[in-house]
Protein backbone atom coordinates (compact mmCIF):
# COMPACT_ATOMS: atom_id res chain seq x y z
CA UNK A 1 21.97 -63.05 9.87
CA UNK A 2 20.63 -59.51 9.85
CA UNK A 3 18.32 -58.41 7.08
CA UNK A 4 19.86 -55.96 4.64
CA UNK A 5 18.78 -52.36 5.20
CA UNK A 6 18.11 -50.22 2.17
CA UNK A 7 18.18 -46.43 1.90
CA UNK A 8 14.42 -45.84 2.08
CA UNK A 9 13.70 -48.40 4.79
CA UNK A 10 14.33 -45.68 7.36
CA UNK A 11 11.47 -43.15 7.74
CA UNK A 12 13.98 -40.36 8.35
CA UNK A 13 15.45 -40.79 4.86
CA UNK A 14 11.98 -40.73 3.29
CA UNK A 15 11.17 -37.49 5.15
CA UNK A 16 14.43 -35.93 3.93
CA UNK A 17 13.68 -36.92 0.35
CA UNK A 18 10.12 -35.57 0.48
CA UNK A 19 11.34 -32.34 2.10
CA UNK A 20 13.88 -31.87 -0.68
CA UNK A 21 11.23 -32.58 -3.31
CA UNK A 22 8.77 -30.05 -1.87
CA UNK A 23 11.49 -27.43 -1.43
CA UNK A 24 12.58 -27.82 -5.04
CA UNK A 25 8.97 -27.53 -6.24
CA UNK A 26 8.47 -24.37 -4.18
CA UNK A 27 11.74 -22.93 -5.49
CA UNK A 28 10.71 -23.61 -9.10
CA UNK A 29 7.33 -21.95 -8.57
CA UNK A 30 9.03 -18.88 -7.08
CA UNK A 31 11.57 -18.73 -9.92
CA UNK A 32 8.70 -18.94 -12.42
CA UNK A 33 7.54 -15.45 -11.35
CA UNK A 34 10.89 -13.90 -12.29
CA UNK A 35 11.46 -15.52 -15.68
CA UNK A 36 10.57 -13.41 -18.70
CA UNK A 37 8.09 -15.23 -20.87
CA UNK A 38 7.21 -14.70 -24.52
CA UNK A 39 3.87 -16.48 -24.74
CA UNK A 40 2.03 -17.11 -27.95
CA UNK A 41 -1.32 -17.49 -26.19
CA UNK A 42 -2.62 -15.50 -23.21
CA UNK A 43 -3.08 -18.56 -20.95
CA UNK A 44 0.64 -19.32 -21.13
CA UNK A 45 1.27 -16.20 -19.03
CA UNK A 46 -0.27 -17.75 -15.91
CA UNK A 47 2.27 -18.84 -13.31
CA UNK A 48 3.02 -22.57 -13.34
CA UNK A 49 0.74 -23.10 -16.34
CA UNK A 50 2.88 -25.86 -17.81
CA UNK A 51 3.16 -27.70 -14.51
CA UNK A 52 -0.61 -27.72 -14.04
CA UNK A 53 -1.14 -28.61 -17.70
CA UNK A 54 1.26 -31.56 -17.43
CA UNK A 55 -0.36 -32.82 -14.22
CA UNK A 56 -3.87 -32.64 -15.68
CA UNK A 57 -2.71 -34.36 -18.89
CA UNK A 58 -1.13 -37.18 -16.87
CA UNK A 59 -4.28 -37.70 -14.80
CA UNK A 60 -6.42 -37.75 -17.97
CA UNK A 61 -4.10 -40.31 -19.58
CA UNK A 62 -4.33 -42.61 -16.57
CA UNK A 63 -8.13 -42.36 -16.41
CA UNK A 64 -8.52 -42.98 -20.15
CA UNK A 65 -6.23 -46.00 -19.94
CA UNK A 66 -8.07 -47.41 -16.94
CA UNK A 67 -11.70 -46.87 -17.92
CA UNK A 68 -11.66 -46.85 -21.74
CA UNK A 69 -8.65 -48.79 -23.04
CA UNK A 70 -8.49 -51.52 -20.39
CA UNK A 71 -11.96 -52.93 -21.13
CA UNK A 72 -11.09 -53.03 -24.83
CA UNK A 73 -7.90 -55.08 -24.48
CA UNK A 74 -8.75 -57.07 -21.34
CA UNK A 75 -9.38 -60.83 -21.68
CA UNK A 76 -11.56 -63.05 -19.53
CA UNK A 77 -9.85 -64.86 -16.69
CA UNK A 78 -10.31 -68.27 -18.35
CA UNK A 79 -9.26 -67.08 -21.82
CA UNK A 80 -6.35 -69.54 -22.20
CA UNK A 81 -8.16 -72.58 -20.74
């Protein structure tokens, strides 16, 4: 019996998906230059500010969870013995 093939088992499909992702990101960055903004603060005028801000915030959240919160809530390996 042949093993079931899924959509992303083929490298060609993964390349197509990544190509579409990068093209959509590039398109959104280009569109960002043509959208009229009404910023409240001067740093909001920078192109792709919110994308960079979101990425940095996500990285900070992961690092805080890994290095600060995990040691607080982590139990020893033999805790339930």
